[in-house]
């Protein structure tokens, strides 16, 4: 099986390209963004040495499904999916914050709480909560969007004080975030899952706010299995998760957590294959649909051809 780990295309009207940890994003004339979701995989802020076949397709098609199923809540940037690994959408001016919403006290919020903090991003958290406990009402804990390095937690008051987002626009972002999370939770519930926490990114074209980037994928969201949640919580046990946590666990077993001086372990083909199968399993569990594997031959040529055909038709 082939994996797509690198692109270096030159399209008509292309202004620039951004190579992220997973996505390659091509700016076409400040009108369109062509987002190629590669098979690269990252953990601990490090890109692993081998790509995971079908991972890009999995993430792209989950995002496509959820963008379509939430377009009545807020308009989104997606215009077309000309290839299983590609999304083309409106070029938006992104807001410099990510809207993170949490339904449960888990992950980084639990680590912060355990240290004695009773406030996250300006949101007060009551005493006496346990790990994986459901909040009475989901909380929004935004972060700044760092061009380099790590995103930083920030409060609503600081966002407005620093002029990052106008007060009336921030209220809209909060409203959209809550409604998107509610819709995502309802869809997850039908598949026997709990949407635990996730992040949304927004941008603007003129005065219109758009939902941008991916949503509700296992790379941007955490899911628990609904079955057994209450029993595990009552016993103080870890929850069964649907995320890429298993990749981090494998790396930690091999002594790698992205810290200085640590060496990335070799990735045997059988491990790569197992990760690929897990991502396909994630797709089917999250969407309730059977996954149709695209051809893994000549992926680079196929992707380029499909994008060029879309652009030719769009500008004709």
Protein backbone atom coordinates (compact mmCIF):
# COMPACT_ATOMS: atom_id res chain seq x y z
CA UNK A 1 0.00 0.00 0.00
CA UNK A 2 1.26 3.46 -0.89
CA UNK A 3 0.95 6.51 1.31
CA UNK A 4 1.01 10.16 0.25
CA UNK A 5 3.46 12.00 2.50
CA UNK A 6 4.64 14.96 0.42
CA UNK A 7 3.29 17.26 -2.28
CA UNK A 8 4.99 20.08 -4.16
CA UNK A 9 2.53 21.14 -6.84
CA UNK A 10 2.41 24.35 -8.85
CA UNK A 11 -1.15 25.19 -9.88
CA UNK A 12 -2.41 28.04 -12.09
CA UNK A 13 -2.99 31.24 -10.05
CA UNK A 14 -1.20 29.68 -7.04
CA UNK A 15 0.10 32.34 -4.63
CA UNK A 16 1.70 30.22 -1.93
CA UNK A 17 1.59 26.88 -0.14
CA UNK A 18 1.65 25.97 3.55
CA UNK A 19 2.98 22.57 4.60
CA UNK A 20 1.54 21.71 8.01
CA UNK A 21 2.12 18.60 10.09
CA UNK A 22 -0.59 16.74 8.17
CA UNK A 23 -2.07 19.11 5.57
CA UNK A 24 -0.61 20.85 2.53
CA UNK A 25 -2.68 23.96 1.82
CA UNK A 26 -2.41 25.76 -1.53
CA UNK A 27 -3.63 29.37 -1.82
CA UNK A 28 -5.16 29.97 -5.25
CA UNK A 29 -5.31 33.71 -5.97
CA UNK A 30 -6.62 34.54 -2.45
CA UNK A 31 -9.95 33.06 -3.67
CA UNK A 32 -9.64 29.34 -3.01
CA UNK A 33 -7.78 27.08 -0.63
CA UNK A 34 -6.86 23.62 -1.88
CA UNK A 35 -6.31 21.44 1.19
CA UNK A 36 -4.58 18.12 0.61
CA UNK A 37 -4.94 15.87 3.65
CA UNK A 38 -1.80 13.75 3.39
CA UNK A 39 -1.11 10.41 5.05
CA UNK A 40 1.46 11.99 7.36
CA UNK A 41 0.84 11.32 11.03
CA UNK A 42 2.10 13.34 13.98
CA UNK A 43 2.36 12.67 17.70
CA UNK A 44 3.97 14.79 20.41
CA UNK A 45 4.23 17.60 17.80
CA UNK A 46 6.56 15.43 15.69
CA UNK A 47 5.79 14.02 12.23
CA UNK A 48 6.46 10.28 12.21
CA UNK A 49 8.83 8.88 9.56
CA UNK A 50 6.24 6.82 7.66
CA UNK A 51 2.83 7.72 6.32
CA UNK A 52 -0.33 5.76 7.13
CA UNK A 53 -2.20 4.54 4.02
CA UNK A 54 -5.81 5.82 3.82
CA UNK A 55 -5.40 8.13 6.84
CA UNK A 56 -5.75 11.26 4.70
CA UNK A 57 -8.85 9.89 3.01
CA UNK A 58 -10.36 8.98 6.39
CA UNK A 59 -9.86 12.47 7.86
CA UNK A 60 -10.97 14.27 4.71
CA UNK A 61 -14.17 12.28 4.31
CA UNK A 62 -15.13 12.53 7.99
CA UNK A 63 -14.70 16.32 7.75
CA UNK A 64 -16.77 16.39 4.53
CA UNK A 65 -19.61 14.46 6.17
CA UNK A 66 -19.74 16.70 9.25
CA UNK A 67 -19.41 19.95 7.31
CA UNK A 68 -22.41 18.91 5.23
CA UNK A 69 -24.41 17.88 8.30
CA UNK A 70 -23.83 21.20 10.11
CA UNK A 71 -24.19 23.68 7.23
CA UNK A 72 -27.63 24.74 8.50
CA UNK A 73 -25.99 26.02 11.71
CA UNK A 74 -23.18 28.08 10.17
CA UNK A 75 -21.94 28.42 6.58
CA UNK A 76 -18.65 26.60 5.97
CA UNK A 77 -15.70 27.01 3.67
CA UNK A 78 -16.12 23.75 1.69
CA UNK A 79 -16.93 24.04 -2.02
CA UNK A 80 -15.88 20.66 -3.41
CA UNK A 81 -14.12 17.37 -2.70
CA UNK A 82 -12.51 16.64 -6.09
CA UNK A 83 -10.44 13.75 -4.70
CA UNK A 84 -10.81 11.49 -1.64
CA UNK A 85 -7.83 13.29 -0.04
CA UNK A 86 -8.62 16.85 -1.16
CA UNK A 87 -11.03 19.56 -0.09
CA UNK A 88 -11.34 22.87 -1.94
CA UNK A 89 -13.00 25.79 -0.27
CA UNK A 90 -13.35 29.54 0.09
CA UNK A 91 -10.28 31.49 1.08
CA UNK A 92 -11.23 32.97 4.45
CA UNK A 93 -9.37 35.32 6.76
CA UNK A 94 -9.02 33.09 9.86
CA UNK A 95 -9.70 34.32 13.37
CA UNK A 96 -6.51 34.09 15.48
CA UNK A 97 -8.21 31.83 18.06
CA UNK A 98 -9.38 28.22 18.15
CA UNK A 99 -12.67 27.52 19.87
CA UNK A 100 -12.22 24.44 22.06
CA UNK A 101 -15.33 23.07 23.73
CA UNK A 102 -15.33 20.40 26.44
CA UNK A 103 -18.22 18.31 27.66
CA UNK A 104 -16.14 16.33 30.17
CA UNK A 105 -13.27 16.92 32.59
CA UNK A 106 -10.57 14.90 30.85
CA UNK A 107 -7.20 15.22 29.12
CA UNK A 108 -5.43 18.54 29.63
CA UNK A 109 -8.39 20.03 31.54
CA UNK A 110 -8.17 17.19 34.09
CA UNK A 111 -4.38 17.61 34.40
CA UNK A 112 -4.91 21.32 35.12
CA UNK A 113 -7.69 20.56 37.62
CA UNK A 114 -5.61 17.91 39.39
CA UNK A 115 -2.90 20.51 40.05
CA UNK A 116 -5.46 22.51 42.04
CA UNK A 117 -6.56 25.00 39.39
CA UNK A 118 -10.26 25.79 39.55
CA UNK A 119 -10.41 27.96 36.48
CA UNK A 120 -9.68 27.11 32.83
CA UNK A 121 -9.47 29.96 30.31
CA UNK A 122 -11.46 32.16 32.69
CA UNK A 123 -14.18 29.53 33.20
CA UNK A 124 -14.68 28.58 36.88
CA UNK A 125 -14.71 24.82 37.62
CA UNK A 126 -16.36 23.61 40.87
CA UNK A 127 -14.57 21.56 43.56
CA UNK A 128 -15.12 17.85 43.98
CA UNK A 129 -15.10 16.70 40.34
CA UNK A 130 -13.53 13.43 39.17
CA UNK A 131 -11.64 12.51 36.03
CA UNK A 132 -13.92 11.99 32.98
CA UNK A 133 -16.86 13.60 34.80
CA UNK A 134 -19.47 15.26 32.60
CA UNK A 135 -19.85 19.01 33.06
CA UNK A 136 -23.36 20.26 33.83
CA UNK A 137 -22.98 22.34 30.68
CA UNK A 138 -20.13 22.15 28.10
CA UNK A 139 -17.43 24.79 28.65
CA UNK A 140 -15.62 26.79 25.97
CA UNK A 141 -11.86 27.06 26.56
CA UNK A 142 -10.29 28.94 23.64
CA UNK A 143 -6.63 29.01 22.66
CA UNK A 144 -4.57 31.39 20.60
CA UNK A 145 -3.47 30.11 17.20
CA UNK A 146 0.31 30.17 17.28
CA UNK A 147 2.15 30.55 13.97
CA UNK A 148 5.03 28.70 15.61
CA UNK A 149 5.25 26.62 18.77
CA UNK A 150 2.30 25.70 20.95
CA UNK A 151 -1.13 27.30 21.12
CA UNK A 152 -1.76 29.06 24.44
CA UNK A 153 -4.88 29.03 26.62
CA UNK A 154 -6.65 32.38 26.72
CA UNK A 155 -9.85 33.70 28.30
CA UNK A 156 -12.78 35.36 26.55
CA UNK A 157 -11.97 38.62 28.37
CA UNK A 158 -8.34 38.56 27.16
CA UNK A 159 -9.40 37.83 23.57
CA UNK A 160 -11.64 40.90 23.58
CA UNK A 161 -9.18 43.05 25.56
CA UNK A 162 -6.35 42.25 23.10
CA UNK A 163 -8.62 43.04 20.16
CA UNK A 164 -8.21 39.55 18.69
CA UNK A 165 -11.97 39.28 18.06
CA UNK A 166 -14.64 42.00 18.34
CA UNK A 167 -17.10 41.39 21.24
CA UNK A 168 -20.18 40.91 19.04
CA UNK A 169 -18.31 38.54 16.73
CA UNK A 170 -16.96 36.52 19.65
CA UNK A 171 -20.52 36.05 20.93
CA UNK A 172 -21.39 34.59 17.52
CA UNK A 173 -18.37 32.26 17.61
CA UNK A 174 -19.45 31.01 21.05
CA UNK A 175 -23.01 30.47 19.85
CA UNK A 176 -21.87 28.57 16.75
CA UNK A 177 -19.44 26.49 18.84
CA UNK A 178 -22.16 25.41 21.28
CA UNK A 179 -24.61 24.52 18.51
CA UNK A 180 -22.00 22.60 16.49
CA UNK A 181 -20.99 20.63 19.58
CA UNK A 182 -24.61 19.79 20.35
CA UNK A 183 -25.16 18.57 16.77
CA UNK A 184 -21.91 16.57 16.84
CA UNK A 185 -22.92 15.02 20.16
CA UNK A 186 -26.32 13.99 18.78
CA UNK A 187 -24.73 12.36 15.71
CA UNK A 188 -22.11 10.60 17.87
CA UNK A 189 -24.82 9.36 20.24
CA UNK A 190 -26.61 7.59 17.38
CA UNK A 191 -23.38 5.65 16.71
CA UNK A 192 -22.94 4.67 20.37
CA UNK A 193 -20.31 7.33 21.01
CA UNK A 194 -19.83 10.37 23.26
CA UNK A 195 -18.24 13.48 21.72
CA UNK A 196 -16.05 14.45 24.67
CA UNK A 197 -14.28 17.55 23.40
CA UNK A 198 -13.35 19.11 20.08
CA UNK A 199 -12.11 22.29 18.43
CA UNK A 200 -13.55 24.56 15.77
CA UNK A 201 -11.87 27.19 13.65
CA UNK A 202 -13.65 30.09 12.00
CA UNK A 203 -12.82 32.68 9.36
CA UNK A 204 -14.44 35.56 7.52
CA UNK A 205 -15.19 36.60 3.96
CA UNK A 206 -16.45 40.17 4.07
CA UNK A 207 -18.87 40.30 6.99
CA UNK A 208 -19.80 36.61 6.84
CA UNK A 209 -18.39 34.14 9.37
CA UNK A 210 -17.51 30.68 8.04
CA UNK A 211 -16.59 27.43 9.74
CA UNK A 212 -13.20 26.40 8.32
CA UNK A 213 -10.73 23.49 8.41
CA UNK A 214 -11.77 20.00 9.62
CA UNK A 215 -14.43 19.13 12.19
CA UNK A 216 -15.22 16.12 14.38
CA UNK A 217 -12.31 14.00 13.13
CA UNK A 218 -10.33 11.75 15.50
CA UNK A 219 -7.37 14.13 15.07
CA UNK A 220 -9.34 17.16 16.30
CA UNK A 221 -11.79 15.49 18.70
CA UNK A 222 -11.97 12.98 21.50
CA UNK A 223 -14.68 10.32 21.60
CA UNK A 224 -15.64 7.87 24.37
CA UNK A 225 -17.69 4.73 23.83
CA UNK A 226 -21.12 5.30 25.39
CA UNK A 227 -21.50 1.68 26.45
CA UNK A 228 -19.79 1.18 29.81
CA UNK A 229 -19.10 4.89 30.39
CA UNK A 230 -21.12 5.12 33.62
CA UNK A 231 -19.72 1.86 35.06
CA UNK A 232 -16.13 2.82 34.29
CA UNK A 233 -16.65 6.30 35.73
CA UNK A 234 -18.16 4.87 38.93
CA UNK A 235 -15.13 2.58 39.35
CA UNK A 236 -12.66 5.37 38.57
CA UNK A 237 -11.35 3.52 35.50
CA UNK A 238 -10.08 4.95 32.24
CA UNK A 239 -12.67 5.32 29.50
CA UNK A 240 -12.53 3.46 26.19
CA UNK A 241 -11.50 6.15 23.72
CA UNK A 242 -11.79 6.53 20.00
CA UNK A 243 -8.79 8.67 19.04
CA UNK A 244 -5.20 8.33 17.89
CA UNK A 245 -4.12 7.83 21.52
CA UNK A 246 -3.01 4.27 20.63
CA UNK A 247 -0.21 5.74 18.45
CA UNK A 248 1.07 7.86 21.36
CA UNK A 249 0.93 4.81 23.64
CA UNK A 250 3.01 2.76 21.17
CA UNK A 251 5.63 5.52 20.97
CA UNK A 252 5.77 5.85 24.78
CA UNK A 253 6.31 2.09 25.10
CA UNK A 254 9.32 2.58 22.79
CA UNK A 255 10.63 5.39 24.98
CA UNK A 256 9.65 8.32 22.75
CA UNK A 257 7.65 11.38 23.81
CA UNK A 258 9.12 13.98 21.47
CA UNK A 259 11.62 15.22 24.03
CA UNK A 260 15.14 16.37 23.24
CA UNK A 261 17.63 13.53 22.88
CA UNK A 262 14.96 10.86 22.33
CA UNK A 263 15.17 8.84 19.14
CA UNK A 264 12.13 8.12 17.01
CA UNK A 265 11.63 4.33 16.91
CA UNK A 266 11.52 2.44 13.61
CA UNK A 267 8.00 1.86 12.34
CA UNK A 268 7.66 -1.74 11.15
CA UNK A 269 5.30 -2.35 8.22
CA UNK A 270 2.95 -4.39 10.39
CA UNK A 271 2.58 -1.46 12.80
CA UNK A 272 1.89 0.93 9.90
CA UNK A 273 -0.73 -1.50 8.58
CA UNK A 274 -2.36 -1.81 12.02
CA UNK A 275 -2.60 2.00 12.35
CA UNK A 276 -4.16 2.19 8.88
CA UNK A 277 -6.77 -0.41 9.87
CA UNK A 278 -7.50 1.48 13.11
CA UNK A 279 -8.14 4.70 11.19
CA UNK A 280 -10.55 2.88 8.88
CA UNK A 281 -12.27 1.46 11.96
CA UNK A 282 -12.50 5.01 13.38
CA UNK A 283 -14.12 6.21 10.16
CA UNK A 284 -16.75 3.48 10.17
CA UNK A 285 -17.52 3.91 13.86
CA UNK A 286 -17.79 7.71 13.74
CA UNK A 287 -19.78 7.97 10.50
CA UNK A 288 -21.75 4.72 10.55
CA UNK A 289 -20.75 4.26 6.88
CA UNK A 290 -18.65 1.55 5.23
CA UNK A 291 -15.24 2.86 4.14
CA UNK A 292 -14.46 2.58 0.44
CA UNK A 293 -10.71 2.45 -0.11
CA UNK A 294 -9.53 4.61 -2.98
CA UNK A 295 -6.87 3.24 -5.32
CA UNK A 296 -3.43 3.34 -3.71
CA UNK A 297 -1.60 3.37 -7.05
CA UNK A 298 -0.13 6.60 -8.42
CA UNK A 299 -1.75 8.66 -5.67
CA UNK A 300 0.32 11.78 -6.37
CA UNK A 301 -0.63 11.82 -10.06
CA UNK A 302 -4.31 11.18 -9.26
CA UNK A 303 -4.48 13.98 -6.69
CA UNK A 304 -2.78 16.49 -9.00
CA UNK A 305 -4.98 15.54 -11.96
CA UNK A 306 -8.21 15.87 -9.96
CA UNK A 307 -7.23 19.27 -8.55
CA UNK A 308 -6.22 20.60 -11.97
CA UNK A 309 -9.51 19.41 -13.47
CA UNK A 310 -11.48 21.15 -10.72
CA UNK A 311 -9.55 24.42 -11.16
CA UNK A 312 -9.94 24.27 -14.94
CA UNK A 313 -13.71 23.97 -14.59
CA UNK A 314 -13.92 26.54 -11.79
CA UNK A 315 -12.09 29.22 -13.80
CA UNK A 316 -13.58 28.35 -17.21
